[in-house]
Amino acid sequence: MRRSATEYVILAITLVGVVLSLYAVTLHFAPVTSSICTFGPSLNCDKVNKSPWALLFGVPVAILGLLAYLFVLLVMLKRKPIQRRLAFTAKDFYLYLSFITLCMFGFQLYLTFVEMYIIHAYCVVCLASQVCTLLLSFFIGREAVVAK
């Protein structure tokens, strides 16, 4: 199967998101002063990743992000069989995937508001992940518009 240039871009962005999430997971479980992305009180990955808001029902949100990126990666890699199995057009496939990435982005926006107004510190890795999800939403949404 031949992939379009946009599909390769989506896969590349998703891989970057996986790497960022893996790093965030290691930050969550590492000693407090282990982060290379702590630049002071305002840009402090350790403060964000060790806060109570870094957990959702006892699960680190970094792991949830990793699972979300891995899901998008797997679905993109298996796009054609999934489309055949579910009788989706390319447009259907990308519309559903757009919904998923927009949900990911919405959750990340919530976490950014928590960083801004509750924790009073930002995680550079988290913000980079949010950029990845925004780009994924854009490119997947673009495919949904142009697909037939």
Protein backbone atom coordinates (compact mmCIF):
# COMPACT_ATOMS: atom_id res chain seq x y z
CA MET A 1 0.00 0.00 0.00
CA ARG A 2 1.26 3.40 -0.91
CA ARG A 3 0.97 6.19 1.66
CA SER A 4 0.43 9.84 0.90
CA ALA A 5 2.87 12.51 2.04
CA THR A 6 0.31 13.68 4.61
CA GLU A 7 0.09 10.18 6.06
CA TYR A 8 3.86 10.16 6.54
CA VAL A 9 3.63 13.54 8.26
CA ILE A 10 0.90 12.20 10.56
CA LEU A 11 3.00 9.12 11.37
CA ALA A 12 6.08 11.27 12.07
CA ILE A 13 4.17 13.63 14.38
CA THR A 14 2.65 10.64 16.17
CA LEU A 15 6.11 9.13 16.71
CA VAL A 16 7.32 12.42 18.19
CA GLY A 17 4.29 12.34 20.51
CA VAL A 18 5.18 8.78 21.56
CA VAL A 19 8.75 9.84 22.38
CA LEU A 20 7.58 12.89 24.33
CA SER A 21 5.08 10.78 26.27
CA LEU A 22 7.71 8.15 27.05
CA TYR A 23 9.95 10.88 28.42
CA ALA A 24 7.07 12.30 30.48
CA VAL A 25 6.42 8.82 31.91
CA THR A 26 10.07 8.53 32.96
CA LEU A 27 9.87 12.01 34.53
CA HIS A 28 6.82 10.99 36.51
CA PHE A 29 8.57 8.02 38.10
CA ALA A 30 12.09 9.50 38.34
CA PRO A 31 13.56 11.30 41.38
CA VAL A 32 12.34 14.89 41.78
CA THR A 33 15.47 16.63 40.52
CA SER A 34 16.03 14.44 37.47
CA SER A 35 14.45 16.55 34.76
CA ILE A 36 16.53 18.16 32.04
CA CYS A 37 13.57 20.37 31.17
CA THR A 38 13.39 22.27 34.44
CA PHE A 39 14.50 25.84 33.89
CA GLY A 40 13.21 27.52 37.03
CA PRO A 41 9.99 27.90 38.98
CA SER A 42 7.82 28.72 35.94
CA LEU A 43 9.22 26.14 33.50
CA ASN A 44 9.40 23.14 35.76
CA CYS A 45 8.59 19.70 34.39
CA ASP A 46 9.27 18.09 37.77
CA LYS A 47 6.75 20.30 39.55
CA VAL A 48 4.08 19.51 36.94
CA ASN A 49 4.80 15.78 36.62
CA LYS A 50 4.91 15.24 40.39
CA SER A 51 1.75 17.23 41.13
CA PRO A 52 -1.53 15.59 42.16
CA TRP A 53 -2.95 16.63 38.76
CA ALA A 54 -0.43 14.37 37.00
CA LEU A 55 -2.66 11.43 37.95
CA LEU A 56 -6.13 10.54 36.72
CA PHE A 57 -7.78 7.80 38.80
CA GLY A 58 -4.32 6.79 39.97
CA VAL A 59 -2.88 6.53 36.45
CA PRO A 60 -0.21 9.02 35.36
CA VAL A 61 -1.60 11.22 32.58
CA ALA A 62 1.71 10.69 30.75
CA ILE A 63 0.78 7.01 30.40
CA LEU A 64 -2.65 8.00 29.10
CA GLY A 65 -0.96 10.26 26.55
CA LEU A 66 1.39 7.46 25.53
CA LEU A 67 -1.54 5.09 25.05
CA ALA A 68 -3.42 7.70 23.01
CA TYR A 69 -0.44 8.31 20.70
CA LEU A 70 0.17 4.56 20.33
CA PHE A 71 -3.51 4.10 19.45
CA VAL A 72 -3.32 6.79 16.74
CA LEU A 73 -0.07 5.26 15.44
CA LEU A 74 -1.56 1.76 15.27
CA VAL A 75 -4.77 2.96 13.64
CA MET A 76 -2.80 4.92 11.03
CA LEU A 77 -0.55 1.96 10.29
CA LYS A 78 -3.59 -0.31 9.86
CA ARG A 79 -5.78 2.24 8.09
CA LYS A 80 -6.70 0.19 5.02
CA PRO A 81 -7.66 -3.03 6.89
CA ILE A 82 -9.65 -0.97 9.41
CA GLN A 83 -11.47 0.85 6.62
CA ARG A 84 -12.30 -2.45 4.89
CA ARG A 85 -13.41 -4.16 8.10
CA LEU A 86 -15.68 -1.27 9.16
CA ALA A 87 -16.76 -0.39 5.60
CA PHE A 88 -15.46 3.15 6.10
CA THR A 89 -14.60 5.52 3.34
CA ALA A 90 -11.35 7.44 3.77
CA LYS A 91 -13.48 10.41 4.82
CA ASP A 92 -15.23 8.35 7.52
CA PHE A 93 -11.92 7.05 8.82
CA TYR A 94 -10.35 10.50 9.09
CA LEU A 95 -13.49 12.04 10.62
CA TYR A 96 -13.45 9.49 13.43
CA LEU A 97 -9.72 9.91 13.92
CA SER A 98 -10.22 13.70 13.95
CA PHE A 99 -12.69 13.30 16.78
CA ILE A 100 -10.17 11.23 18.75
CA THR A 101 -7.32 13.72 18.26
CA LEU A 102 -9.58 16.65 19.12
CA CYS A 103 -10.51 14.87 22.36
CA MET A 104 -6.81 14.38 23.06
CA PHE A 105 -6.20 18.08 22.41
CA GLY A 106 -9.13 19.10 24.63
CA PHE A 107 -7.78 17.06 27.53
CA GLN A 108 -4.33 18.58 27.02
CA LEU A 109 -5.88 22.07 27.04
CA TYR A 110 -7.50 21.24 30.38
CA LEU A 111 -4.10 20.13 31.72
CA THR A 112 -2.51 23.35 30.44
CA PHE A 113 -5.12 25.40 32.31
CA VAL A 114 -4.26 23.39 35.43
CA GLU A 115 -0.60 24.24 34.84
CA MET A 116 -1.43 27.92 34.44
CA TYR A 117 -3.91 28.49 37.24
CA ILE A 118 -3.30 25.78 39.84
CA ILE A 119 0.28 24.55 39.58
CA HIS A 120 1.69 27.89 38.35
CA ALA A 121 4.36 26.10 36.33
CA TYR A 122 4.63 24.74 32.80
CA CYS A 123 6.06 21.47 31.55
CA VAL A 124 7.97 21.96 28.30
CA VAL A 125 7.45 18.31 27.36
CA CYS A 126 3.70 18.63 27.96
CA LEU A 127 3.49 21.78 25.86
CA ALA A 128 5.47 20.11 23.05
CA SER A 129 3.06 17.17 23.22
CA GLN A 130 0.16 19.59 22.94
CA VAL A 131 1.72 21.08 19.80
CA CYS A 132 2.01 17.54 18.39
CA THR A 133 -1.66 16.86 19.09
CA LEU A 134 -2.69 20.19 17.57
CA LEU A 135 -0.69 19.35 14.43
CA LEU A 136 -2.22 15.87 14.34
CA SER A 137 -5.70 17.38 14.62
CA PHE A 138 -4.89 19.77 11.78
CA PHE A 139 -3.43 17.21 9.37
CA ILE A 140 -6.00 14.50 10.13
CA GLY A 141 -8.81 17.06 9.84
CA ARG A 142 -7.33 18.22 6.54
CA GLU A 143 -7.42 14.63 5.29
CA ALA A 144 -11.05 14.35 6.40
CA VAL A 145 -11.93 17.38 4.30
CA VAL A 146 -10.10 16.31 1.12
CA ALA A 147 -10.81 12.54 1.35
CA LYS A 148 -13.61 10.94 -0.60
